[in-house]
N, C-alpha and C. Protein backbone atom coordinates (compact mmCIF):
# COMPACT_ATOMS: atom_id res chain seq x y z
N UNK A 1 -23.07 57.53 -11.08
CA UNK A 1 -24.51 57.53 -11.07
C UNK A 1 -25.05 56.26 -10.39
N UNK A 2 -24.42 55.11 -10.70
CA UNK A 2 -24.87 53.86 -10.12
C UNK A 2 -24.63 53.84 -8.62
N UNK A 3 -23.49 54.38 -8.19
CA UNK A 3 -23.20 54.41 -6.76
C UNK A 3 -24.20 55.28 -6.02
N UNK A 4 -24.57 56.41 -6.64
CA UNK A 4 -25.56 57.29 -6.03
C UNK A 4 -26.90 56.58 -5.90
N UNK A 5 -27.30 55.86 -6.93
CA UNK A 5 -28.57 55.14 -6.90
C UNK A 5 -28.56 54.04 -5.83
N UNK A 6 -27.46 53.32 -5.73
CA UNK A 6 -27.36 52.25 -4.73
C UNK A 6 -27.38 52.84 -3.32
N UNK A 7 -26.68 53.96 -3.10
CA UNK A 7 -26.69 54.61 -1.79
C UNK A 7 -28.09 55.11 -1.46
N UNK A 8 -28.77 55.70 -2.44
CA UNK A 8 -30.12 56.19 -2.22
C UNK A 8 -31.07 55.05 -1.85
N UNK A 9 -30.97 53.92 -2.55
CA UNK A 9 -31.83 52.78 -2.25
C UNK A 9 -31.52 52.20 -0.88
N UNK A 10 -30.25 52.17 -0.51
CA UNK A 10 -29.86 51.69 0.81
C UNK A 10 -30.46 52.58 1.91
N UNK A 11 -30.39 53.89 1.72
CA UNK A 11 -30.94 54.82 2.71
C UNK A 11 -32.46 54.66 2.80
N UNK A 12 -33.12 54.48 1.65
CA UNK A 12 -34.57 54.26 1.68
C UNK A 12 -34.93 52.97 2.40
N UNK A 13 -34.12 51.95 2.24
CA UNK A 13 -34.35 50.70 2.97
C UNK A 13 -34.20 50.90 4.46
N UNK A 14 -33.21 51.68 4.89
CA UNK A 14 -33.02 51.95 6.32
C UNK A 14 -34.19 52.74 6.89
N UNK A 15 -34.71 53.69 6.10
CA UNK A 15 -35.87 54.46 6.55
C UNK A 15 -37.07 53.53 6.72
N UNK A 16 -37.23 52.60 5.78
CA UNK A 16 -38.34 51.64 5.88
C UNK A 16 -38.22 50.76 7.10
N UNK A 17 -37.01 50.32 7.43
CA UNK A 17 -36.80 49.48 8.60
C UNK A 17 -37.11 50.26 9.87
N UNK A 18 -36.66 51.50 9.95
CA UNK A 18 -36.91 52.31 11.13
C UNK A 18 -38.40 52.62 11.28
N UNK A 19 -39.08 52.78 10.15
CA UNK A 19 -40.50 53.12 10.18
C UNK A 19 -41.36 51.93 10.59
N UNK A 20 -40.91 50.72 10.32
CA UNK A 20 -41.73 49.53 10.52
C UNK A 20 -41.62 48.90 11.89
N UNK A 21 -40.87 49.50 12.80
CA UNK A 21 -40.71 48.88 14.10
C UNK A 21 -41.94 49.18 14.96
N UNK A 22 -42.55 48.12 15.47
CA UNK A 22 -43.76 48.23 16.27
C UNK A 22 -43.50 47.52 17.60
N UNK A 23 -43.90 48.16 18.69
CA UNK A 23 -43.70 47.56 20.01
C UNK A 23 -44.65 46.38 20.19
N UNK A 24 -44.15 45.25 20.71
CA UNK A 24 -45.03 44.10 20.93
C UNK A 24 -45.97 44.34 22.10
N UNK A 25 -47.10 43.66 22.08
CA UNK A 25 -48.07 43.80 23.14
C UNK A 25 -48.25 42.44 23.83
N UNK A 26 -48.33 42.47 25.15
CA UNK A 26 -48.52 41.22 25.89
C UNK A 26 -49.73 41.32 26.82
N UNK A 27 -50.55 42.33 26.66
CA UNK A 27 -51.71 42.53 27.52
C UNK A 27 -52.86 41.62 27.09
N UNK A 28 -53.65 41.09 28.04
CA UNK A 28 -54.85 40.34 27.67
C UNK A 28 -55.90 41.28 27.06
N UNK A 29 -56.85 40.72 26.34
CA UNK A 29 -57.83 41.52 25.62
C UNK A 29 -59.24 41.30 26.17
N UNK A 30 -59.53 41.73 27.41
CA UNK A 30 -60.82 41.38 27.98
C UNK A 30 -61.98 42.25 27.52
N UNK A 31 -61.78 43.52 27.19
CA UNK A 31 -62.90 44.41 26.90
C UNK A 31 -62.93 44.77 25.43
N UNK A 32 -64.06 45.38 25.04
CA UNK A 32 -64.22 45.78 23.64
C UNK A 32 -63.23 46.89 23.27
N UNK A 33 -62.95 47.80 24.20
CA UNK A 33 -61.98 48.86 23.93
C UNK A 33 -60.61 48.26 23.69
N UNK A 34 -60.24 47.28 24.50
CA UNK A 34 -58.96 46.60 24.31
C UNK A 34 -58.94 45.85 22.98
N UNK A 35 -60.09 45.25 22.61
CA UNK A 35 -60.16 44.56 21.32
C UNK A 35 -59.95 45.54 20.18
N UNK A 36 -60.57 46.71 20.28
CA UNK A 36 -60.41 47.73 19.23
C UNK A 36 -58.95 48.15 19.13
N UNK A 37 -58.32 48.36 20.27
CA UNK A 37 -56.92 48.77 20.26
C UNK A 37 -56.03 47.66 19.71
N UNK A 38 -56.31 46.43 20.08
CA UNK A 38 -55.51 45.30 19.60
C UNK A 38 -55.67 45.13 18.09
N UNK A 39 -56.89 45.29 17.61
CA UNK A 39 -57.13 45.18 16.16
C UNK A 39 -56.39 46.31 15.45
N UNK A 40 -56.45 47.51 16.00
CA UNK A 40 -55.75 48.64 15.38
C UNK A 40 -54.24 48.38 15.35
N UNK A 41 -53.68 47.90 16.47
CA UNK A 41 -52.24 47.61 16.51
C UNK A 41 -51.88 46.52 15.51
N UNK A 42 -52.72 45.50 15.42
CA UNK A 42 -52.47 44.41 14.48
C UNK A 42 -52.44 44.92 13.04
N UNK A 43 -53.48 45.65 12.66
CA UNK A 43 -53.57 46.14 11.29
C UNK A 43 -52.45 47.14 10.99
N UNK A 44 -52.17 48.01 11.94
CA UNK A 44 -51.10 48.99 11.74
C UNK A 44 -49.75 48.29 11.59
N UNK A 45 -49.49 47.30 12.43
CA UNK A 45 -48.24 46.56 12.34
C UNK A 45 -48.10 45.82 11.03
N UNK A 46 -49.20 45.21 10.56
CA UNK A 46 -49.14 44.48 9.29
C UNK A 46 -48.96 45.43 8.11
N UNK A 47 -49.58 46.62 8.19
CA UNK A 47 -49.37 47.61 7.12
C UNK A 47 -47.91 48.06 7.10
N UNK A 48 -47.33 48.27 8.28
CA UNK A 48 -45.93 48.67 8.35
C UNK A 48 -45.02 47.56 7.81
N UNK A 49 -45.34 46.33 8.16
CA UNK A 49 -44.54 45.21 7.67
C UNK A 49 -44.65 45.12 6.14
N UNK A 50 -45.84 45.34 5.61
CA UNK A 50 -46.03 45.34 4.16
C UNK A 50 -45.23 46.45 3.49
N UNK A 51 -45.22 47.63 4.10
CA UNK A 51 -44.42 48.74 3.55
C UNK A 51 -42.94 48.40 3.58
N UNK A 52 -42.49 47.77 4.65
CA UNK A 52 -41.09 47.38 4.77
C UNK A 52 -40.73 46.40 3.66
N UNK A 53 -41.55 45.38 3.47
CA UNK A 53 -41.29 44.39 2.43
C UNK A 53 -41.30 45.05 1.05
N UNK A 54 -42.24 45.96 0.82
CA UNK A 54 -42.30 46.63 -0.48
C UNK A 54 -41.04 47.46 -0.71
N UNK A 55 -40.63 48.24 0.29
CA UNK A 55 -39.46 49.09 0.10
C UNK A 55 -38.19 48.27 -0.07
N UNK A 56 -38.04 47.21 0.73
CA UNK A 56 -36.86 46.36 0.59
C UNK A 56 -36.86 45.64 -0.77
N UNK A 57 -37.99 45.12 -1.17
CA UNK A 57 -38.09 44.40 -2.44
C UNK A 57 -37.84 45.30 -3.63
N UNK A 58 -38.44 46.49 -3.62
CA UNK A 58 -38.23 47.41 -4.74
C UNK A 58 -36.79 47.89 -4.77
N UNK A 59 -36.22 48.15 -3.59
CA UNK A 59 -34.82 48.59 -3.54
C UNK A 59 -33.89 47.51 -4.07
N UNK A 60 -34.10 46.29 -3.65
CA UNK A 60 -33.27 45.17 -4.10
C UNK A 60 -33.45 44.95 -5.60
N UNK A 61 -34.69 44.99 -6.06
CA UNK A 61 -34.95 44.75 -7.48
C UNK A 61 -34.30 45.82 -8.34
N UNK A 62 -34.45 47.08 -7.97
CA UNK A 62 -33.88 48.13 -8.80
C UNK A 62 -32.36 48.15 -8.72
N UNK A 63 -31.80 47.88 -7.54
CA UNK A 63 -30.34 47.85 -7.42
C UNK A 63 -29.76 46.72 -8.26
N UNK A 64 -30.38 45.57 -8.22
CA UNK A 64 -29.86 44.44 -8.99
C UNK A 64 -30.06 44.63 -10.48
N UNK A 65 -31.12 45.33 -10.88
CA UNK A 65 -31.28 45.63 -12.30
C UNK A 65 -30.18 46.55 -12.78
N UNK A 66 -29.80 47.51 -11.95
CA UNK A 66 -28.70 48.40 -12.31
C UNK A 66 -27.41 47.61 -12.43
N UNK A 67 -27.17 46.72 -11.47
CA UNK A 67 -25.95 45.90 -11.51
C UNK A 67 -25.98 44.97 -12.73
N UNK A 68 -27.12 44.35 -12.99
CA UNK A 68 -27.21 43.40 -14.11
C UNK A 68 -27.04 44.10 -15.45
N UNK A 69 -27.44 45.36 -15.54
CA UNK A 69 -27.33 46.06 -16.82
C UNK A 69 -25.98 46.75 -16.99
N UNK A 70 -25.13 46.68 -16.00
CA UNK A 70 -23.81 47.29 -16.09
C UNK A 70 -22.95 46.55 -17.11
N UNK A 71 -22.04 47.26 -17.74
CA UNK A 71 -21.16 46.65 -18.74
C UNK A 71 -20.02 45.87 -18.08
N UNK A 72 -19.72 46.15 -16.84
CA UNK A 72 -18.57 45.55 -16.17
C UNK A 72 -18.92 44.28 -15.39
N UNK A 73 -20.07 43.72 -15.63
CA UNK A 73 -20.50 42.52 -14.91
C UNK A 73 -19.82 41.30 -15.54
N UNK A 74 -19.20 40.43 -14.73
CA UNK A 74 -18.56 39.23 -15.30
C UNK A 74 -19.61 38.26 -15.85
N UNK A 75 -19.16 37.30 -16.60
CA UNK A 75 -20.05 36.31 -17.21
C UNK A 75 -20.86 35.61 -16.12
N UNK A 76 -22.13 35.54 -16.31
CA UNK A 76 -23.01 34.92 -15.33
C UNK A 76 -23.52 35.90 -14.28
N UNK A 77 -22.87 37.03 -14.15
CA UNK A 77 -23.29 38.02 -13.15
C UNK A 77 -24.62 38.65 -13.50
N UNK A 78 -24.85 38.83 -14.80
CA UNK A 78 -26.13 39.42 -15.21
C UNK A 78 -27.28 38.46 -14.89
N UNK A 79 -27.05 37.17 -15.04
CA UNK A 79 -28.08 36.19 -14.72
C UNK A 79 -28.38 36.19 -13.23
N UNK A 80 -27.33 36.24 -12.42
CA UNK A 80 -27.52 36.28 -10.96
C UNK A 80 -28.23 37.56 -10.56
N UNK A 81 -27.80 38.70 -11.15
CA UNK A 81 -28.45 39.98 -10.86
C UNK A 81 -29.92 39.97 -11.23
N UNK A 82 -30.23 39.35 -12.37
CA UNK A 82 -31.64 39.26 -12.79
C UNK A 82 -32.44 38.37 -11.85
N UNK A 83 -31.84 37.27 -11.40
CA UNK A 83 -32.54 36.37 -10.48
C UNK A 83 -32.80 37.05 -9.14
N UNK A 84 -31.80 37.74 -8.62
CA UNK A 84 -31.98 38.45 -7.35
C UNK A 84 -32.99 39.57 -7.52
N UNK A 85 -32.98 40.22 -8.68
CA UNK A 85 -33.96 41.26 -8.96
C UNK A 85 -35.38 40.69 -8.96
N UNK A 86 -35.54 39.51 -9.53
CA UNK A 86 -36.84 38.85 -9.52
C UNK A 86 -37.29 38.51 -8.11
N UNK A 87 -36.35 38.07 -7.28
CA UNK A 87 -36.69 37.78 -5.88
C UNK A 87 -37.11 39.06 -5.15
N UNK A 88 -36.42 40.16 -5.45
CA UNK A 88 -36.80 41.44 -4.85
C UNK A 88 -38.18 41.88 -5.29
N UNK A 89 -38.48 41.68 -6.56
CA UNK A 89 -39.81 42.04 -7.06
C UNK A 89 -40.89 41.17 -6.40
N UNK A 90 -40.57 39.88 -6.21
CA UNK A 90 -41.53 39.00 -5.52
C UNK A 90 -41.77 39.42 -4.09
N UNK A 91 -40.71 39.85 -3.42
CA UNK A 91 -40.85 40.35 -2.05
C UNK A 91 -41.73 41.60 -2.02
N UNK A 92 -41.53 42.48 -3.01
CA UNK A 92 -42.33 43.70 -3.08
C UNK A 92 -43.81 43.38 -3.31
N UNK A 93 -44.09 42.42 -4.17
CA UNK A 93 -45.48 42.02 -4.44
C UNK A 93 -46.10 41.41 -3.18
N UNK A 94 -45.33 40.57 -2.48
CA UNK A 94 -45.84 40.00 -1.22
C UNK A 94 -46.13 41.09 -0.19
N UNK A 95 -45.27 42.09 -0.12
CA UNK A 95 -45.51 43.21 0.79
C UNK A 95 -46.75 44.00 0.42
N UNK A 96 -46.98 44.14 -0.89
CA UNK A 96 -48.17 44.87 -1.35
C UNK A 96 -49.43 44.11 -0.94
N UNK A 97 -49.43 42.78 -1.10
CA UNK A 97 -50.59 42.00 -0.69
C UNK A 97 -50.81 42.09 0.83
N UNK A 98 -49.74 42.05 1.59
CA UNK A 98 -49.85 42.18 3.05
C UNK A 98 -50.43 43.54 3.41
N UNK A 99 -49.94 44.59 2.76
CA UNK A 99 -50.44 45.95 3.01
C UNK A 99 -51.91 46.04 2.61
N UNK A 100 -52.25 45.50 1.45
CA UNK A 100 -53.61 45.60 0.94
C UNK A 100 -54.59 44.79 1.80
N UNK A 101 -54.18 43.62 2.31
CA UNK A 101 -55.07 42.80 3.13
C UNK A 101 -55.32 43.40 4.50
N UNK A 102 -54.51 44.35 4.94
CA UNK A 102 -54.69 44.99 6.23
C UNK A 102 -54.86 46.51 6.06
N UNK A 103 -55.63 46.89 5.05
CA UNK A 103 -55.83 48.31 4.75
C UNK A 103 -56.68 48.98 5.83
N UNK A 104 -56.63 50.29 5.85
CA UNK A 104 -57.44 51.05 6.81
C UNK A 104 -58.93 50.83 6.56
N UNK A 105 -59.29 50.68 5.30
CA UNK A 105 -60.70 50.44 4.96
C UNK A 105 -61.18 49.13 5.57
N UNK A 106 -60.37 48.08 5.46
CA UNK A 106 -60.74 46.79 6.05
C UNK A 106 -60.74 46.86 7.56
N UNK A 107 -59.82 47.64 8.11
CA UNK A 107 -59.78 47.81 9.57
C UNK A 107 -61.06 48.49 10.06
N UNK A 108 -61.47 49.55 9.37
CA UNK A 108 -62.70 50.26 9.78
C UNK A 108 -63.92 49.35 9.65
N UNK A 109 -64.00 48.57 8.58
CA UNK A 109 -65.13 47.65 8.39
C UNK A 109 -65.16 46.61 9.50
N UNK A 110 -64.00 46.10 9.88
CA UNK A 110 -63.94 45.11 10.96
C UNK A 110 -64.37 45.73 12.29
N UNK A 111 -63.92 46.96 12.55
CA UNK A 111 -64.31 47.62 13.80
C UNK A 111 -65.80 47.92 13.84
N UNK A 112 -66.38 48.28 12.69
CA UNK A 112 -67.83 48.51 12.64
C UNK A 112 -68.60 47.22 12.90
N UNK A 113 -68.14 46.12 12.32
CA UNK A 113 -68.83 44.84 12.56
C UNK A 113 -68.66 44.40 14.02
N UNK A 114 -67.53 44.74 14.62
CA UNK A 114 -67.32 44.43 16.03
C UNK A 114 -68.28 45.23 16.92
N UNK A 115 -68.50 46.50 16.56
CA UNK A 115 -69.45 47.33 17.31
C UNK A 115 -70.88 46.81 17.19
N UNK A 116 -71.20 46.20 16.07
CA UNK A 116 -72.54 45.64 15.88
C UNK A 116 -72.72 44.32 16.62
N UNK A 117 -71.66 43.83 17.23
CA UNK A 117 -71.74 42.60 17.99
C UNK A 117 -71.41 41.35 17.22
N UNK A 118 -70.95 41.50 16.00
CA UNK A 118 -70.57 40.34 15.20
C UNK A 118 -69.24 39.78 15.69
N UNK A 119 -69.05 38.48 15.60
CA UNK A 119 -67.77 37.91 16.06
C UNK A 119 -66.65 38.23 15.07
N UNK A 120 -65.43 38.19 15.59
CA UNK A 120 -64.27 38.42 14.74
C UNK A 120 -64.08 37.22 13.81
N UNK A 121 -63.60 37.46 12.59
CA UNK A 121 -63.28 36.33 11.71
C UNK A 121 -62.17 35.47 12.33
N UNK A 122 -62.17 34.20 12.00
CA UNK A 122 -61.21 33.26 12.60
C UNK A 122 -59.77 33.67 12.29
N UNK A 123 -59.52 34.18 11.08
CA UNK A 123 -58.15 34.57 10.71
C UNK A 123 -57.65 35.73 11.57
N UNK A 124 -58.53 36.68 11.88
CA UNK A 124 -58.14 37.82 12.72
C UNK A 124 -57.92 37.35 14.15
N UNK A 125 -58.78 36.44 14.63
CA UNK A 125 -58.58 35.90 15.99
C UNK A 125 -57.24 35.19 16.10
N UNK A 126 -56.87 34.42 15.07
CA UNK A 126 -55.59 33.73 15.09
C UNK A 126 -54.43 34.72 15.11
N UNK A 127 -54.53 35.77 14.30
CA UNK A 127 -53.47 36.77 14.26
C UNK A 127 -53.35 37.49 15.60
N UNK A 128 -54.49 37.79 16.23
CA UNK A 128 -54.46 38.45 17.54
C UNK A 128 -53.84 37.53 18.59
N UNK A 129 -54.15 36.24 18.52
CA UNK A 129 -53.56 35.31 19.48
C UNK A 129 -52.05 35.18 19.27
N UNK A 130 -51.61 35.19 18.02
CA UNK A 130 -50.17 35.15 17.74
C UNK A 130 -49.49 36.39 18.30
N UNK A 131 -50.13 37.54 18.10
CA UNK A 131 -49.57 38.80 18.60
C UNK A 131 -49.52 38.81 20.12
N UNK A 132 -50.58 38.28 20.73
CA UNK A 132 -50.65 38.23 22.19
C UNK A 132 -49.60 37.29 22.76
N UNK A 133 -49.36 36.18 22.05
CA UNK A 133 -48.40 35.20 22.54
C UNK A 133 -46.95 35.63 22.38
N UNK A 134 -46.66 36.55 21.47
CA UNK A 134 -45.26 36.94 21.26
C UNK A 134 -44.79 38.03 22.16
């Protein structure tokens, strides 16, 4: 049963990795249409990265909890398993915050404010410049 669970979590992690791959962009952003597309790519990429972190963190946390609760774990192994499980849970929480901070609702609100002629927030401009530079 434990082997099946570990294999299942490993496969889910691979699916998350394959799903989160986003092509980099190196085009300049001169027009509003390009800005809209760049913002969409940025938010979509960050949501995918958040999903990847969540799936990897939850997979690691649950796998290590299974290992830590096993009867065949040597002395100290349960402590290590619990610590790694906590790190996995922390990664999952960080991924959730990344996903939540770049939600579709926030993306739509930003695009509406851009259409009204409002400037982009400084944090979004920085993220766009990082994306453009990579």
